[in-house]
Amino acid sequence: MPYAFFDGDNIGDTIEKLLIEKRVDEATLLSENINKSVHNLEKLLRSKNGVEIIILGGDDLLIKFDSEECDVKLLNEITILFENTCGLSMSCGVGTTILEAIQNLHMAKLYGKNQIIGLRQ
């Protein structure tokens, strides 16, 4: 079963910039929306067969999934749900091991973010 590791794009930088610019209310709202995203993602993933949540917190998500039951549509649904809730994108790395998923996540960040790397279709 493959792993998918998601990470929000530019979350820390965005929050830091808002705080530096004394836009504390906006930073608070963004943080609340990220928390809503995490809650919504948890509900979505728990409703799916063949998905095991390994890490879910902040803007990080690591899942193990059955590629027979879950495909690229689910992975895209995760990134869309996150972006629709908090306005920021996510990158994702997929691999047959956690290490490979982490490496592919790093490549997704290097190649411009907001994409899924390592998914075999």
C-alpha atoms as a PDB file:
ATOM      1  CA  MET A   1       0.000   0.000   0.000  1.00  0.00           C
ATOM      2  CA  PRO A   2       1.426   3.385  -0.969  1.00  0.00           C
ATOM      3  CA  TYR A   3       1.829   6.422   1.249  1.00  0.00           C
ATOM      4  CA  ALA A   4       0.867  10.021   0.479  1.00  0.00           C
ATOM      5  CA  PHE A   5       2.468  12.864   2.417  1.00  0.00           C
ATOM      6  CA  PHE A   6       0.817  16.288   2.119  1.00  0.00           C
ATOM      7  CA  ASP A   7       2.121  19.622   3.363  1.00  0.00           C
ATOM      8  CA  GLY A   8       0.549  23.058   3.065  1.00  0.00           C
ATOM      9  CA  ASP A   9       2.428  25.483   0.834  1.00  0.00           C
ATOM     10  CA  ASN A  10       3.864  28.659   2.367  1.00  0.00           C
ATOM     11  CA  ILE A  11       1.755  28.366   5.523  1.00  0.00           C
ATOM     12  CA  GLY A  12       4.432  29.493   7.976  1.00  0.00           C
ATOM     13  CA  ASP A  13       5.595  32.323   5.712  1.00  0.00           C
ATOM     14  CA  THR A  14       2.038  33.540   5.188  1.00  0.00           C
ATOM     15  CA  ILE A  15       1.248  33.578   8.899  1.00  0.00           C
ATOM     16  CA  GLU A  16       4.572  35.229   9.721  1.00  0.00           C
ATOM     17  CA  LYS A  17       3.992  37.925   7.107  1.00  0.00           C
ATOM     18  CA  LEU A  18       0.504  38.654   8.475  1.00  0.00           C
ATOM     19  CA  LEU A  19       1.876  38.943  12.007  1.00  0.00           C
ATOM     20  CA  ILE A  20       4.764  41.202  10.954  1.00  0.00           C
ATOM     21  CA  GLU A  21       2.258  43.436   9.163  1.00  0.00           C
ATOM     22  CA  LYS A  22       0.197  43.516  12.395  1.00  0.00           C
ATOM     23  CA  ARG A  23      -2.709  41.755  10.673  1.00  0.00           C
ATOM     24  CA  VAL A  24      -3.277  39.549  13.682  1.00  0.00           C
ATOM     25  CA  ASP A  25      -6.990  39.040  13.014  1.00  0.00           C
ATOM     26  CA  GLU A  26      -6.198  37.698   9.537  1.00  0.00           C
ATOM     27  CA  ALA A  27      -3.502  35.387  10.932  1.00  0.00           C
ATOM     28  CA  THR A  28      -5.982  34.113  13.524  1.00  0.00           C
ATOM     29  CA  LEU A  29      -8.621  33.527  10.848  1.00  0.00           C
ATOM     30  CA  LEU A  30      -6.114  31.656   8.671  1.00  0.00           C
ATOM     31  CA  SER A  31      -5.130  29.474  11.619  1.00  0.00           C
ATOM     32  CA  GLU A  32      -8.799  28.743  12.355  1.00  0.00           C
ATOM     33  CA  ASN A  33      -9.409  27.884   8.700  1.00  0.00           C
ATOM     34  CA  ILE A  34      -6.419  25.524   8.665  1.00  0.00           C
ATOM     35  CA  ASN A  35      -7.883  23.805  11.729  1.00  0.00           C
ATOM     36  CA  LYS A  36     -11.251  23.541   9.929  1.00  0.00           C
ATOM     37  CA  SER A  37      -9.455  22.023   6.949  1.00  0.00           C
ATOM     38  CA  VAL A  38      -7.819  19.414   9.159  1.00  0.00           C
ATOM     39  CA  HIS A  39     -11.178  18.549  10.727  1.00  0.00           C
ATOM     40  CA  ASN A  40     -12.837  18.286   7.288  1.00  0.00           C
ATOM     41  CA  LEU A  41      -9.969  16.175   5.953  1.00  0.00           C
ATOM     42  CA  GLU A  42     -10.258  13.812   8.897  1.00  0.00           C
ATOM     43  CA  LYS A  43     -14.006  13.373   8.277  1.00  0.00           C
ATOM     44  CA  LEU A  44     -13.407  12.771   4.561  1.00  0.00           C
ATOM     45  CA  LEU A  45     -10.633  10.243   5.099  1.00  0.00           C
ATOM     46  CA  ARG A  46     -12.448   8.330   7.829  1.00  0.00           C
ATOM     47  CA  SER A  47     -15.380   7.923   5.424  1.00  0.00           C
ATOM     48  CA  LYS A  48     -13.182   6.186   2.829  1.00  0.00           C
ATOM     49  CA  ASN A  49     -12.367   2.502   2.719  1.00  0.00           C
ATOM     50  CA  GLY A  50      -8.708   1.636   2.320  1.00  0.00           C
ATOM     51  CA  VAL A  51      -7.283   4.780   3.948  1.00  0.00           C
ATOM     52  CA  GLU A  52      -5.241   4.855   7.147  1.00  0.00           C
ATOM     53  CA  ILE A  53      -4.384   8.224   8.699  1.00  0.00           C
ATOM     54  CA  ILE A  54      -0.850   8.142  10.111  1.00  0.00           C
ATOM     55  CA  ILE A  55      -0.286  11.869  10.804  1.00  0.00           C
ATOM     56  CA  LEU A  56      -2.854  14.655  10.678  1.00  0.00           C
ATOM     57  CA  GLY A  57      -2.076  17.982  12.275  1.00  0.00           C
ATOM     58  CA  GLY A  58      -1.196  21.543  11.458  1.00  0.00           C
ATOM     59  CA  ASP A  59      -0.836  21.536   7.699  1.00  0.00           C
ATOM     60  CA  ASP A  60       0.659  18.020   7.513  1.00  0.00           C
ATOM     61  CA  LEU A  61      -1.077  14.826   6.494  1.00  0.00           C
ATOM     62  CA  LEU A  62       0.427  11.386   6.004  1.00  0.00           C
ATOM     63  CA  ILE A  63      -1.823   8.571   4.876  1.00  0.00           C
ATOM     64  CA  LYS A  64      -1.419   4.992   3.780  1.00  0.00           C
ATOM     65  CA  PHE A  65      -3.952   4.031   1.132  1.00  0.00           C
ATOM     66  CA  ASP A  66      -5.113   1.085  -0.905  1.00  0.00           C
ATOM     67  CA  SER A  67      -4.482   2.084  -4.504  1.00  0.00           C
ATOM     68  CA  GLU A  68      -7.214  -0.344  -5.601  1.00  0.00           C
ATOM     69  CA  GLU A  69      -9.844   1.580  -3.616  1.00  0.00           C
ATOM     70  CA  CYS A  70      -8.393   5.111  -3.712  1.00  0.00           C
ATOM     71  CA  ASP A  71      -6.854   6.839  -6.675  1.00  0.00           C
ATOM     72  CA  VAL A  72      -5.696  10.236  -7.847  1.00  0.00           C
ATOM     73  CA  LYS A  73      -9.229  11.615  -7.412  1.00  0.00           C
ATOM     74  CA  LEU A  74      -8.982  11.219  -3.645  1.00  0.00           C
ATOM     75  CA  LEU A  75      -5.549  12.845  -3.505  1.00  0.00           C
ATOM     76  CA  ASN A  76      -6.812  15.763  -5.601  1.00  0.00           C
ATOM     77  CA  GLU A  77      -9.925  15.990  -3.416  1.00  0.00           C
ATOM     78  CA  ILE A  78      -7.685  16.398  -0.367  1.00  0.00           C
ATOM     79  CA  THR A  79      -5.748  19.301  -1.884  1.00  0.00           C
ATOM     80  CA  ILE A  80      -8.924  20.975  -3.177  1.00  0.00           C
ATOM     81  CA  LEU A  81     -10.686  20.672   0.189  1.00  0.00           C
ATOM     82  CA  PHE A  82      -7.689  22.225   1.948  1.00  0.00           C
ATOM     83  CA  GLU A  83      -7.439  25.099  -0.518  1.00  0.00           C
ATOM     84  CA  ASN A  84     -11.178  25.781  -0.513  1.00  0.00           C
ATOM     85  CA  THR A  85     -11.199  26.020   3.285  1.00  0.00           C
ATOM     86  CA  CYS A  86      -8.085  28.092   3.953  1.00  0.00           C
ATOM     87  CA  GLY A  87      -7.145  29.607   0.602  1.00  0.00           C
ATOM     88  CA  LEU A  88      -3.680  28.057   0.416  1.00  0.00           C
ATOM     89  CA  SER A  89      -2.445  25.124  -1.639  1.00  0.00           C
ATOM     90  CA  MET A  90      -0.885  21.808  -0.641  1.00  0.00           C
ATOM     91  CA  SER A  91       1.878  19.747  -2.163  1.00  0.00           C
ATOM     92  CA  CYS A  92       1.936  15.961  -2.026  1.00  0.00           C
ATOM     93  CA  GLY A  93       4.513  13.228  -2.415  1.00  0.00           C
ATOM     94  CA  VAL A  94       3.480   9.629  -3.027  1.00  0.00           C
ATOM     95  CA  GLY A  95       5.673   6.580  -2.551  1.00  0.00           C
ATOM     96  CA  THR A  96       5.753   2.911  -1.711  1.00  0.00           C
ATOM     97  CA  THR A  97       7.557   3.809   1.524  1.00  0.00           C
ATOM     98  CA  ILE A  98       7.271   6.782   3.851  1.00  0.00           C
ATOM     99  CA  LEU A  99      10.796   7.839   2.867  1.00  0.00           C
ATOM    100  CA  GLU A 100       9.883   7.818  -0.821  1.00  0.00           C
ATOM    101  CA  ALA A 101       6.728   9.846  -0.079  1.00  0.00           C
ATOM    102  CA  ILE A 102       8.818  12.411   1.848  1.00  0.00           C
ATOM    103  CA  GLN A 103      11.351  12.641  -0.997  1.00  0.00           C
ATOM    104  CA  ASN A 104       8.567  13.105  -3.562  1.00  0.00           C
ATOM    105  CA  LEU A 105       6.934  15.773  -1.376  1.00  0.00           C
ATOM    106  CA  HIS A 106      10.266  17.593  -1.361  1.00  0.00           C
ATOM    107  CA  MET A 107      10.393  17.332  -5.166  1.00  0.00           C
ATOM    108  CA  ALA A 108       6.830  18.691  -5.421  1.00  0.00           C
ATOM    109  CA  LYS A 109       7.929  21.718  -3.372  1.00  0.00           C
ATOM    110  CA  LEU A 110      11.030  22.196  -5.545  1.00  0.00           C
ATOM    111  CA  TYR A 111       9.019  21.997  -8.764  1.00  0.00           C
ATOM    112  CA  GLY A 112       6.685  24.822  -7.840  1.00  0.00           C
ATOM    113  CA  LYS A 113       4.385  23.453  -5.149  1.00  0.00           C
ATOM    114  CA  ASN A 114       0.644  22.767  -5.476  1.00  0.00           C
ATOM    115  CA  GLN A 115       1.180  19.393  -7.140  1.00  0.00           C
ATOM    116  CA  ILE A 116       1.337  15.674  -6.555  1.00  0.00           C
ATOM    117  CA  ILE A 117       4.629  13.916  -7.374  1.00  0.00           C
ATOM    118  CA  GLY A 118       5.225  10.178  -7.485  1.00  0.00           C
ATOM    119  CA  LEU A 119       1.737   8.972  -8.286  1.00  0.00           C
ATOM    120  CA  ARG A 120       1.701   6.148 -10.772  1.00  0.00           C
ATOM    121  CA  GLN A 121      -1.420   6.201 -12.899  1.00  0.00           C
END
